[in-house]
Amino acid sequence: MSEPTGAARRRGPFQVGDQVQLTDPKGRHYTFTLEEGKSFHTHKGAFPHDELIGAPEGTVVRTTGNVAYLALRPLLPDYVLSMPRGAAVVYPKDAGQILAMADIFPGARVVEAGVGSGSLSTFLLRAVGDQGMLHSYERRADFADIARQNVERYFGGPHPAWRLTVGDLQDNLSDTDVDRVILDMLAPWECLDAVSKALVPGGILCAYVATTTQLARTVESIREHGTFNEPTAWENLLRTWHVEGLAVRPDHRMVGHTGFLLTARRLADGVEPPMRRRRPAKGAYGEDYTGPGGGSGRS
């Protein structure tokens, strides 16, 4: 049985073409690709790439300035934060939540809209595996090109489960029997008709939006649409800690708000969502509220 795509690049001695992440004594990272005959240069000196080719991960190399660097392959979270960007990337803390809360499983058929720089695409491809399917839609051709290069650089070539289409999801989506749909875009509510037709009963819609107004309109549009259960919305904050002897405290900097996430599940055809038992708070909907789709307001 052959190894999954990209697995051979994740273990064993360093090889030509591998990504290497160097960590200096201050904890700063430097990422480069191994090439025969080349040298890595810093203001603290240089060392030849050949010194790492054939060496095991966890090797320490020294520059001509006698500065030690720890050499490891970058983890996927490291890779997506250091790769070239066209658009902002989905941070690892949010990608991890999407994989877990959207229940991305090996062999899943997934549709993604809003590829950006390919960060989430790489996470999704590694989760669905070679036997799954990821069909990504990106409106901008320049972003799609950057994403393709980043994904193929990580896996060492094209991934057999990936298809990338340049265009709008709502105009081009032809996939059926889709297990999961991930929307990372400005107006996910515009895609609900197309997404509803593509998803299998029980399938999951997951949306990633940046602002509270986008979150509110997406949730209300899902409720109005009538083919999904009650959506769940949240955000994910990540705070690292400084641990040095008895000095144990939160770090002064943290990755705070990056975006909001929400999920909803596709109902069976012809089924109406159960009535919400929890009434909205008084004043949650103004008297002039007409709904995201222009329908009647709520009492």
C-alpha atoms as a PDB file:
ATOM      1  CA  MET A   1       0.000   0.000   0.000  1.00  0.00           C
ATOM      2  CA  SER A   2       1.468   3.347  -1.058  1.00  0.00           C
ATOM      3  CA  GLU A   3       1.977   6.138   1.434  1.00  0.00           C
ATOM      4  CA  PRO A   4      -0.493   9.040   1.491  1.00  0.00           C
ATOM      5  CA  THR A   5       0.507  12.039  -0.586  1.00  0.00           C
ATOM      6  CA  GLY A   6       3.191  14.053   1.153  1.00  0.00           C
ATOM      7  CA  ALA A   7       3.806  11.539   3.968  1.00  0.00           C
ATOM      8  CA  ALA A   8       7.296  10.611   2.772  1.00  0.00           C
ATOM      9  CA  ARG A   9       8.328  14.255   3.114  1.00  0.00           C
ATOM     10  CA  ARG A  10       7.357  14.314   6.791  1.00  0.00           C
ATOM     11  CA  ARG A  11       9.865  11.768   8.125  1.00  0.00           C
ATOM     12  CA  GLY A  12      13.409  10.450   7.682  1.00  0.00           C
ATOM     13  CA  PRO A  13      16.659  12.323   6.943  1.00  0.00           C
ATOM     14  CA  PHE A  14      16.544  15.697   5.232  1.00  0.00           C
ATOM     15  CA  GLN A  15      16.427  15.473   1.442  1.00  0.00           C
ATOM     16  CA  VAL A  16      16.908  17.899  -1.406  1.00  0.00           C
ATOM     17  CA  GLY A  17      13.663  19.843  -1.854  1.00  0.00           C
ATOM     18  CA  ASP A  18      12.606  19.534   1.801  1.00  0.00           C
ATOM     19  CA  GLN A  19      11.438  22.564   3.727  1.00  0.00           C
ATOM     20  CA  VAL A  20      13.673  23.266   6.733  1.00  0.00           C
ATOM     21  CA  GLN A  21      12.839  25.449   9.704  1.00  0.00           C
ATOM     22  CA  LEU A  22      15.786  26.832  11.646  1.00  0.00           C
ATOM     23  CA  THR A  23      15.348  28.114  15.204  1.00  0.00           C
ATOM     24  CA  ASP A  24      17.957  30.540  16.545  1.00  0.00           C
ATOM     25  CA  PRO A  25      18.913  30.977  20.233  1.00  0.00           C
ATOM     26  CA  LYS A  26      16.210  33.656  20.635  1.00  0.00           C
ATOM     27  CA  GLY A  27      13.477  31.362  19.283  1.00  0.00           C
ATOM     28  CA  ARG A  28      13.149  33.081  15.913  1.00  0.00           C
ATOM     29  CA  HIS A  29      12.304  30.900  12.920  1.00  0.00           C
ATOM     30  CA  TYR A  30      13.791  30.892   9.426  1.00  0.00           C
ATOM     31  CA  THR A  31      12.347  28.647   6.692  1.00  0.00           C
ATOM     32  CA  PHE A  32      14.048  27.668   3.422  1.00  0.00           C
ATOM     33  CA  THR A  33      14.170  24.847   0.858  1.00  0.00           C
ATOM     34  CA  LEU A  34      17.186  22.527   0.756  1.00  0.00           C
ATOM     35  CA  GLU A  35      19.223  22.745  -2.461  1.00  0.00           C
ATOM     36  CA  GLU A  36      22.548  21.129  -3.265  1.00  0.00           C
ATOM     37  CA  GLY A  37      25.445  23.540  -3.370  1.00  0.00           C
ATOM     38  CA  LYS A  38      23.506  26.436  -1.841  1.00  0.00           C
ATOM     39  CA  SER A  39      24.215  28.215   1.460  1.00  0.00           C
ATOM     40  CA  PHE A  40      21.977  29.726   4.117  1.00  0.00           C
ATOM     41  CA  HIS A  41      23.054  33.258   5.029  1.00  0.00           C
ATOM     42  CA  THR A  42      22.215  35.405   8.058  1.00  0.00           C
ATOM     43  CA  HIS A  43      23.845  38.408   9.709  1.00  0.00           C
ATOM     44  CA  LYS A  44      25.335  35.832  12.099  1.00  0.00           C
ATOM     45  CA  GLY A  45      27.181  33.974   9.345  1.00  0.00           C
ATOM     46  CA  ALA A  46      26.355  31.179   6.905  1.00  0.00           C
ATOM     47  CA  PHE A  47      26.443  27.396   6.487  1.00  0.00           C
ATOM     48  CA  PRO A  48      26.081  25.121   3.425  1.00  0.00           C
ATOM     49  CA  HIS A  49      22.808  23.297   2.720  1.00  0.00           C
ATOM     50  CA  ASP A  50      24.873  20.160   2.083  1.00  0.00           C
ATOM     51  CA  GLU A  51      25.569  20.036   5.803  1.00  0.00           C
ATOM     52  CA  LEU A  52      21.877  19.184   6.381  1.00  0.00           C
ATOM     53  CA  ILE A  53      21.207  16.933   3.377  1.00  0.00           C
ATOM     54  CA  GLY A  54      21.136  13.365   4.709  1.00  0.00           C
ATOM     55  CA  ALA A  55      21.145  14.525   8.348  1.00  0.00           C
ATOM     56  CA  PRO A  56      18.303  13.587  10.725  1.00  0.00           C
ATOM     57  CA  GLU A  57      15.725  16.072  11.978  1.00  0.00           C
ATOM     58  CA  GLY A  58      16.716  17.690  15.243  1.00  0.00           C
ATOM     59  CA  THR A  59      20.234  18.377  13.999  1.00  0.00           C
ATOM     60  CA  VAL A  60      22.056  21.466  15.261  1.00  0.00           C
ATOM     61  CA  VAL A  61      24.139  23.383  12.716  1.00  0.00           C
ATOM     62  CA  ARG A  62      26.565  26.232  13.335  1.00  0.00           C
ATOM     63  CA  THR A  63      27.171  29.209  11.106  1.00  0.00           C
ATOM     64  CA  THR A  64      30.575  30.679  10.305  1.00  0.00           C
ATOM     65  CA  GLY A  65      29.830  33.103  13.143  1.00  0.00           C
ATOM     66  CA  ASN A  66      29.534  30.135  15.554  1.00  0.00           C
ATOM     67  CA  VAL A  67      25.788  30.631  16.144  1.00  0.00           C
ATOM     68  CA  ALA A  68      23.836  27.407  16.679  1.00  0.00           C
ATOM     69  CA  TYR A  69      20.547  26.754  14.853  1.00  0.00           C
ATOM     70  CA  LEU A  70      18.176  23.847  15.475  1.00  0.00           C
ATOM     71  CA  ALA A  71      16.985  22.292  12.179  1.00  0.00           C
ATOM     72  CA  LEU A  72      13.534  20.661  11.929  1.00  0.00           C
ATOM     73  CA  ARG A  73      10.886  20.279   9.257  1.00  0.00           C
ATOM     74  CA  PRO A  74       8.220  22.956   9.766  1.00  0.00           C
ATOM     75  CA  LEU A  75       4.923  21.701  11.142  1.00  0.00           C
ATOM     76  CA  LEU A  76       1.867  22.530   9.065  1.00  0.00           C
ATOM     77  CA  PRO A  77       0.938  25.434  11.404  1.00  0.00           C
ATOM     78  CA  ASP A  78       4.458  26.810  10.943  1.00  0.00           C
ATOM     79  CA  TYR A  79       4.318  26.326   7.190  1.00  0.00           C
ATOM     80  CA  VAL A  80       1.050  28.201   6.612  1.00  0.00           C
ATOM     81  CA  LEU A  81       2.226  31.175   8.667  1.00  0.00           C
ATOM     82  CA  SER A  82       5.495  31.491   6.717  1.00  0.00           C
ATOM     83  CA  MET A  83       4.289  30.725   3.179  1.00  0.00           C
ATOM     84  CA  PRO A  84       3.852  33.452   0.503  1.00  0.00           C
ATOM     85  CA  ARG A  85       0.500  35.208   0.757  1.00  0.00           C
ATOM     86  CA  GLY A  86      -1.902  36.701  -1.695  1.00  0.00           C
ATOM     87  CA  ALA A  87      -4.729  37.023   0.808  1.00  0.00           C
ATOM     88  CA  ALA A  88      -4.782  36.650   4.582  1.00  0.00           C
ATOM     89  CA  VAL A  89      -4.428  33.050   5.737  1.00  0.00           C
ATOM     90  CA  VAL A  90      -6.767  31.095   7.981  1.00  0.00           C
ATOM     91  CA  TYR A  91      -4.803  30.845  11.229  1.00  0.00           C
ATOM     92  CA  PRO A  92      -3.998  27.371  12.577  1.00  0.00           C
ATOM     93  CA  LYS A  93      -6.189  27.970  15.639  1.00  0.00           C
ATOM     94  CA  ASP A  94      -9.203  28.466  13.364  1.00  0.00           C
ATOM     95  CA  ALA A  95      -8.229  25.724  10.906  1.00  0.00           C
ATOM     96  CA  GLY A  96      -8.066  23.265  13.807  1.00  0.00           C
ATOM     97  CA  GLN A  97     -11.542  24.295  14.947  1.00  0.00           C
ATOM     98  CA  ILE A  98     -12.897  23.872  11.410  1.00  0.00           C
ATOM     99  CA  LEU A  99     -11.434  20.369  11.109  1.00  0.00           C
ATOM    100  CA  ALA A 100     -12.926  19.385  14.485  1.00  0.00           C
ATOM    101  CA  MET A 101     -16.288  21.158  14.546  1.00  0.00           C
ATOM    102  CA  ALA A 102     -17.065  20.554  10.858  1.00  0.00           C
ATOM    103  CA  ASP A 103     -16.069  16.908  11.456  1.00  0.00           C
ATOM    104  CA  ILE A 104     -13.727  16.608   8.472  1.00  0.00           C
ATOM    105  CA  PHE A 105     -12.988  12.886   8.103  1.00  0.00           C
ATOM    106  CA  PRO A 106     -10.796  10.727   5.814  1.00  0.00           C
ATOM    107  CA  GLY A 107     -12.587  10.195   2.513  1.00  0.00           C
ATOM    108  CA  ALA A 108     -14.958  13.138   3.005  1.00  0.00           C
ATOM    109  CA  ARG A 109     -16.257  15.064   0.004  1.00  0.00           C
ATOM    110  CA  VAL A 110     -15.651  18.727   0.833  1.00  0.00           C
ATOM    111  CA  VAL A 111     -16.341  21.967  -1.023  1.00  0.00           C
ATOM    112  CA  GLU A 112     -14.462  25.121  -0.045  1.00  0.00           C
ATOM    113  CA  ALA A 113     -15.128  28.676  -1.217  1.00  0.00           C
ATOM    114  CA  GLY A 114     -12.539  31.396  -0.710  1.00  0.00           C
ATOM    115  CA  VAL A 115      -9.134  29.742  -1.108  1.00  0.00           C
ATOM    116  CA  GLY A 116      -7.037  32.815  -0.317  1.00  0.00           C
ATOM    117  CA  SER A 117      -3.417  31.685   0.003  1.00  0.00           C
ATOM    118  CA  GLY A 118      -4.186  27.972   0.419  1.00  0.00           C
ATOM    119  CA  SER A 119      -3.802  27.647   4.191  1.00  0.00           C
ATOM    120  CA  LEU A 120      -7.154  25.991   4.915  1.00  0.00           C
ATOM    121  CA  SER A 121      -6.962  23.982   1.677  1.00  0.00           C
ATOM    122  CA  THR A 122      -3.759  22.348   2.913  1.00  0.00           C
ATOM    123  CA  PHE A 123      -5.316  21.451   6.272  1.00  0.00           C
ATOM    124  CA  LEU A 124      -8.438  20.065   4.553  1.00  0.00           C
ATOM    125  CA  LEU A 125      -6.473  17.981   2.041  1.00  0.00           C
ATOM    126  CA  ARG A 126      -4.410  16.392   4.778  1.00  0.00           C
ATOM    127  CA  ALA A 127      -7.635  15.553   6.648  1.00  0.00           C
ATOM    128  CA  VAL A 128      -9.645  14.069   3.749  1.00  0.00           C
ATOM    129  CA  GLY A 129      -6.644  12.137   2.387  1.00  0.00           C
ATOM    130  CA  ASP A 130      -6.076  10.733  -1.082  1.00  0.00           C
ATOM    131  CA  GLN A 131      -9.449   8.957  -1.130  1.00  0.00           C
ATOM    132  CA  GLY A 132     -11.423  12.087  -0.298  1.00  0.00           C
ATOM    133  CA  MET A 133     -12.315  15.083  -2.436  1.00  0.00           C
ATOM    134  CA  LEU A 134     -11.737  18.796  -1.962  1.00  0.00           C
ATOM    135  CA  HIS A 135     -13.178  21.123  -4.579  1.00  0.00           C
ATOM    136  CA  SER A 136     -12.007  24.679  -3.914  1.00  0.00           C
ATOM    137  CA  TYR A 137     -13.507  27.791  -5.503  1.00  0.00           C
ATOM    138  CA  GLU A 138     -11.655  31.107  -5.673  1.00  0.00           C
ATOM    139  CA  ARG A 139     -12.912  34.228  -7.440  1.00  0.00           C
ATOM    140  CA  ARG A 140      -9.460  35.731  -8.071  1.00  0.00           C
ATOM    141  CA  ALA A 141      -7.088  33.964 -10.441  1.00  0.00           C
ATOM    142  CA  ASP A 142      -3.996  35.517  -8.815  1.00  0.00           C
ATOM    143  CA  PHE A 143      -5.001  34.176  -5.387  1.00  0.00           C
ATOM    144  CA  ALA A 144      -5.710  30.763  -6.929  1.00  0.00           C
ATOM    145  CA  ASP A 145      -2.214  30.660  -8.459  1.00  0.00           C
ATOM    146  CA  ILE A 146      -0.558  31.492  -5.129  1.00  0.00           C
ATOM    147  CA  ALA A 147      -2.694  28.915  -3.323  1.00  0.00           C
ATOM    148  CA  ARG A 148      -1.833  26.206  -5.857  1.00  0.00           C
ATOM    149  CA  GLN A 149       1.889  26.881  -5.476  1.00  0.00           C
ATOM    150  CA  ASN A 150       1.684  26.809  -1.668  1.00  0.00           C
ATOM    151  CA  VAL A 151      -0.323  23.575  -1.561  1.00  0.00           C
ATOM    152  CA  GLU A 152       1.932  21.799  -4.065  1.00  0.00           C
ATOM    153  CA  ARG A 153       5.065  22.998  -2.276  1.00  0.00           C
ATOM    154  CA  TYR A 154       3.803  21.446   0.962  1.00  0.00           C
ATOM    155  CA  PHE A 155       2.785  18.097  -0.550  1.00  0.00           C
ATOM    156  CA  GLY A 156       5.679  17.913  -3.006  1.00  0.00           C
ATOM    157  CA  GLY A 157       3.407  18.100  -6.057  1.00  0.00           C
ATOM    158  CA  PRO A 158      -0.280  18.079  -7.065  1.00  0.00           C
ATOM    159  CA  HIS A 159      -2.634  16.432  -4.572  1.00  0.00           C
ATOM    160  CA  PRO A 160      -4.871  13.749  -6.163  1.00  0.00           C
ATOM    161  CA  ALA A 161      -7.916  14.787  -4.108  1.00  0.00           C
ATOM    162  CA  TRP A 162      -7.796  18.487  -5.010  1.00  0.00           C
ATOM    163  CA  ARG A 163      -9.658  20.363  -7.696  1.00  0.00           C
ATOM    164  CA  LEU A 164      -9.354  24.158  -7.914  1.00  0.00           C
ATOM    165  CA  THR A 165     -11.869  26.245  -9.849  1.00  0.00           C
ATOM    166  CA  VAL A 166     -11.563  29.980 -10.526  1.00  0.00           C
ATOM    167  CA  GLY A 167     -15.026  31.523 -10.233  1.00  0.00           C
ATOM    168  CA  ASP A 168     -17.942  32.180  -7.886  1.00  0.00           C
ATOM    169  CA  LEU A 169     -19.285  29.221  -5.948  1.00  0.00           C
ATOM    170  CA  GLN A 170     -22.945  30.140  -6.453  1.00  0.00           C
ATOM    171  CA  ASP A 171     -22.458  30.324 -10.222  1.00  0.00           C
ATOM    172  CA  ASN A 172     -20.244  27.269 -10.700  1.00  0.00           C
ATOM    173  CA  LEU A 173     -21.080  24.721  -7.992  1.00  0.00           C
ATOM    174  CA  SER A 174     -22.080  21.473  -9.710  1.00  0.00           C
ATOM    175  CA  ASP A 175     -20.936  18.977  -7.045  1.00  0.00           C
ATOM    176  CA  THR A 176     -23.582  16.750  -5.484  1.00  0.00           C
ATOM    177  CA  ASP A 177     -23.611  14.441  -2.450  1.00  0.00           C
ATOM    178  CA  VAL A 178     -21.166  16.738  -0.666  1.00  0.00           C
ATOM    179  CA  ASP A 179     -20.454  15.964   2.999  1.00  0.00           C
ATOM    180  CA  ARG A 180     -19.108  19.351   4.092  1.00  0.00           C
ATOM    181  CA  VAL A 181     -19.061  22.912   2.734  1.00  0.00           C
ATOM    182  CA  ILE A 182     -16.633  25.507   4.134  1.00  0.00           C
ATOM    183  CA  LEU A 183     -17.293  29.156   3.248  1.00  0.00           C
ATOM    184  CA  ASP A 184     -14.535  31.718   3.860  1.00  0.00           C
ATOM    185  CA  MET A 185     -15.928  34.722   2.015  1.00  0.00           C
ATOM    186  CA  LEU A 186     -17.495  38.161   2.442  1.00  0.00           C
ATOM    187  CA  ALA A 187     -21.120  37.173   1.852  1.00  0.00           C
ATOM    188  CA  PRO A 188     -21.725  33.467   2.608  1.00  0.00           C
ATOM    189  CA  TRP A 189     -25.498  34.066   2.753  1.00  0.00           C
ATOM    190  CA  GLU A 190     -25.471  34.509  -1.040  1.00  0.00           C
ATOM    191  CA  CYS A 191     -24.460  30.840  -1.456  1.00  0.00           C
ATOM    192  CA  LEU A 192     -27.106  29.142   0.700  1.00  0.00           C
ATOM    193  CA  ASP A 193     -29.261  27.938  -2.216  1.00  0.00           C
ATOM    194  CA  ALA A 194     -26.286  26.349  -3.999  1.00  0.00           C
ATOM    195  CA  VAL A 195     -24.890  24.884  -0.771  1.00  0.00           C
ATOM    196  CA  SER A 196     -28.252  23.426   0.253  1.00  0.00           C
ATOM    197  CA  LYS A 197     -28.582  21.624  -3.089  1.00  0.00           C
ATOM    198  CA  ALA A 198     -25.057  20.213  -2.893  1.00  0.00           C
ATOM    199  CA  LEU A 199     -25.057  18.943   0.705  1.00  0.00           C
ATOM    200  CA  VAL A 200     -26.265  15.494   1.702  1.00  0.00           C
ATOM    201  CA  PRO A 201     -28.845  15.302   4.530  1.00  0.00           C
ATOM    202  CA  GLY A 202     -26.902  15.682   7.757  1.00  0.00           C
ATOM    203  CA  GLY A 203     -24.040  17.407   5.926  1.00  0.00           C
ATOM    204  CA  ILE A 204     -22.366  20.372   7.594  1.00  0.00           C
ATOM    205  CA  LEU A 205     -22.114  23.969   6.456  1.00  0.00           C
ATOM    206  CA  CYS A 206     -19.259  25.842   8.173  1.00  0.00           C
ATOM    207  CA  ALA A 207     -18.760  29.574   7.623  1.00  0.00           C
ATOM    208  CA  TYR A 208     -15.803  31.731   8.637  1.00  0.00           C
ATOM    209  CA  VAL A 209     -16.509  35.479   8.779  1.00  0.00           C
ATOM    210  CA  ALA A 210     -14.598  38.451  10.136  1.00  0.00           C
ATOM    211  CA  THR A 211     -17.207  40.847  11.555  1.00  0.00           C
ATOM    212  CA  THR A 212     -20.261  40.783  13.806  1.00  0.00           C
ATOM    213  CA  THR A 213     -22.471  42.177  11.031  1.00  0.00           C
ATOM    214  CA  GLN A 214     -21.425  39.331   8.703  1.00  0.00           C
ATOM    215  CA  LEU A 215     -22.031  36.828  11.493  1.00  0.00           C
ATOM    216  CA  ALA A 216     -25.507  38.193  12.266  1.00  0.00           C
ATOM    217  CA  ARG A 217     -26.612  38.243   8.629  1.00  0.00           C
ATOM    218  CA  THR A 218     -25.264  34.742   7.961  1.00  0.00           C
ATOM    219  CA  VAL A 219     -27.029  33.249  10.997  1.00  0.00           C
ATOM    220  CA  GLU A 220     -30.328  34.985  10.228  1.00  0.00           C
ATOM    221  CA  SER A 221     -30.141  33.953   6.565  1.00  0.00           C
ATOM    222  CA  ILE A 222     -29.586  30.319   7.556  1.00  0.00           C
ATOM    223  CA  ARG A 223     -32.645  30.488   9.818  1.00  0.00           C
ATOM    224  CA  GLU A 224     -34.729  32.073   7.073  1.00  0.00           C
ATOM    225  CA  HIS A 225     -33.601  29.534   4.479  1.00  0.00           C
ATOM    226  CA  GLY A 226     -35.342  26.675   6.249  1.00  0.00           C
ATOM    227  CA  THR A 227     -33.149  23.767   5.121  1.00  0.00           C
ATOM    228  CA  PHE A 228     -30.705  23.826   8.054  1.00  0.00           C
ATOM    229  CA  ASN A 229     -30.954  23.257  11.770  1.00  0.00           C
ATOM    230  CA  GLU A 230     -30.293  26.047  14.282  1.00  0.00           C
ATOM    231  CA  PRO A 231     -26.735  27.351  13.626  1.00  0.00           C
ATOM    232  CA  THR A 232     -24.049  27.462  16.300  1.00  0.00           C
ATOM    233  CA  ALA A 233     -21.615  30.406  16.363  1.00  0.00           C
ATOM    234  CA  TRP A 234     -18.417  31.029  18.310  1.00  0.00           C
ATOM    235  CA  GLU A 235     -14.916  32.514  18.194  1.00  0.00           C
ATOM    236  CA  ASN A 236     -11.622  31.011  19.275  1.00  0.00           C
ATOM    237  CA  LEU A 237      -8.955  32.932  21.228  1.00  0.00           C
ATOM    238  CA  LEU A 238      -5.450  31.567  21.771  1.00  0.00           C
ATOM    239  CA  ARG A 239      -3.124  32.729  24.555  1.00  0.00           C
ATOM    240  CA  THR A 240       0.325  31.249  25.107  1.00  0.00           C
ATOM    241  CA  TRP A 241       2.120  31.241  28.459  1.00  0.00           C
ATOM    242  CA  HIS A 242       5.617  32.176  29.591  1.00  0.00           C
ATOM    243  CA  VAL A 243       7.090  29.441  31.791  1.00  0.00           C
ATOM    244  CA  GLU A 244      10.522  30.092  33.295  1.00  0.00           C
ATOM    245  CA  GLY A 245      11.133  28.648  36.770  1.00  0.00           C
ATOM    246  CA  LEU A 246       8.715  30.391  39.128  1.00  0.00           C
ATOM    247  CA  ALA A 247       7.885  33.032  36.538  1.00  0.00           C
ATOM    248  CA  VAL A 248       4.716  31.502  35.128  1.00  0.00           C
ATOM    249  CA  ARG A 249       2.351  33.997  33.503  1.00  0.00           C
ATOM    250  CA  PRO A 250       0.434  34.667  30.309  1.00  0.00           C
ATOM    251  CA  ASP A 251       2.534  36.004  27.448  1.00  0.00           C
ATOM    252  CA  HIS A 252       2.141  39.720  26.829  1.00  0.00           C
ATOM    253  CA  ARG A 253       0.989  39.081  23.259  1.00  0.00           C
ATOM    254  CA  MET A 254      -1.733  36.729  22.081  1.00  0.00           C
ATOM    255  CA  VAL A 255      -3.568  35.763  18.923  1.00  0.00           C
ATOM    256  CA  GLY A 256      -6.914  37.353  19.691  1.00  0.00           C
ATOM    257  CA  HIS A 257      -9.859  37.801  17.361  1.00  0.00           C
ATOM    258  CA  THR A 258      -9.258  36.553  13.830  1.00  0.00           C
ATOM    259  CA  GLY A 259     -12.798  35.611  12.833  1.00  0.00           C
ATOM    260  CA  PHE A 260     -16.105  34.044  13.813  1.00  0.00           C
ATOM    261  CA  LEU A 261     -17.061  30.464  13.021  1.00  0.00           C
ATOM    262  CA  LEU A 262     -20.506  28.974  12.665  1.00  0.00           C
ATOM    263  CA  THR A 263     -21.878  25.582  11.722  1.00  0.00           C
ATOM    264  CA  ALA A 264     -25.292  24.291  10.686  1.00  0.00           C
ATOM    265  CA  ARG A 265     -26.481  20.894   9.453  1.00  0.00           C
ATOM    266  CA  ARG A 266     -28.547  20.139   6.364  1.00  0.00           C
ATOM    267  CA  LEU A 267     -32.013  18.806   7.045  1.00  0.00           C
ATOM    268  CA  ALA A 268     -33.650  16.062   4.992  1.00  0.00           C
ATOM    269  CA  ASP A 269     -35.596  17.262   1.967  1.00  0.00           C
ATOM    270  CA  GLY A 270     -39.090  18.445   2.807  1.00  0.00           C
ATOM    271  CA  VAL A 271     -38.427  18.676   6.539  1.00  0.00           C
ATOM    272  CA  GLU A 272     -39.092  21.931   8.373  1.00  0.00           C
ATOM    273  CA  PRO A 273     -36.688  22.902  11.150  1.00  0.00           C
ATOM    274  CA  PRO A 274     -38.159  22.503  14.647  1.00  0.00           C
ATOM    275  CA  MET A 275     -39.484  25.726  16.141  1.00  0.00           C
ATOM    276  CA  ARG A 276     -36.997  27.462  18.376  1.00  0.00           C
ATOM    277  CA  ARG A 277     -38.007  27.061  22.012  1.00  0.00           C
ATOM    278  CA  ARG A 278     -35.819  29.919  23.211  1.00  0.00           C
ATOM    279  CA  ARG A 279     -37.494  33.225  22.373  1.00  0.00           C
ATOM    280  CA  PRO A 280     -35.271  36.106  21.215  1.00  0.00           C
ATOM    281  CA  ALA A 281     -34.559  38.734  23.834  1.00  0.00           C
ATOM    282  CA  LYS A 282     -36.901  41.733  23.856  1.00  0.00           C
ATOM    283  CA  GLY A 283     -35.551  44.290  21.425  1.00  0.00           C
ATOM    284  CA  ALA A 284     -33.312  41.830  19.570  1.00  0.00           C
ATOM    285  CA  TYR A 285     -35.310  42.591  16.421  1.00  0.00           C
ATOM    286  CA  GLY A 286     -36.382  46.175  15.846  1.00  0.00           C
ATOM    287  CA  GLU A 287     -39.844  47.098  14.640  1.00  0.00           C
ATOM    288  CA  ASP A 288     -38.474  47.903  11.208  1.00  0.00           C
ATOM    289  CA  TYR A 289     -36.643  44.548  10.850  1.00  0.00           C
ATOM    290  CA  THR A 290     -37.616  42.800   7.618  1.00  0.00           C
ATOM    291  CA  GLY A 291     -35.228  39.853   7.710  1.00  0.00           C
ATOM    292  CA  PRO A 292     -32.049  39.226   5.684  1.00  0.00           C
ATOM    293  CA  GLY A 293     -34.031  38.072   2.697  1.00  0.00           C
ATOM    294  CA  GLY A 294     -36.565  40.878   2.796  1.00  0.00           C
ATOM    295  CA  GLY A 295     -39.239  38.766   4.504  1.00  0.00           C
ATOM    296  CA  SER A 296     -41.528  39.783   7.324  1.00  0.00           C
ATOM    297  CA  GLY A 297     -40.158  40.732  10.715  1.00  0.00           C
ATOM    298  CA  ARG A 298     -40.390  38.729  13.916  1.00  0.00           C
ATOM    299  CA  SER A 299     -42.784  39.374  16.731  1.00  0.00           C
END
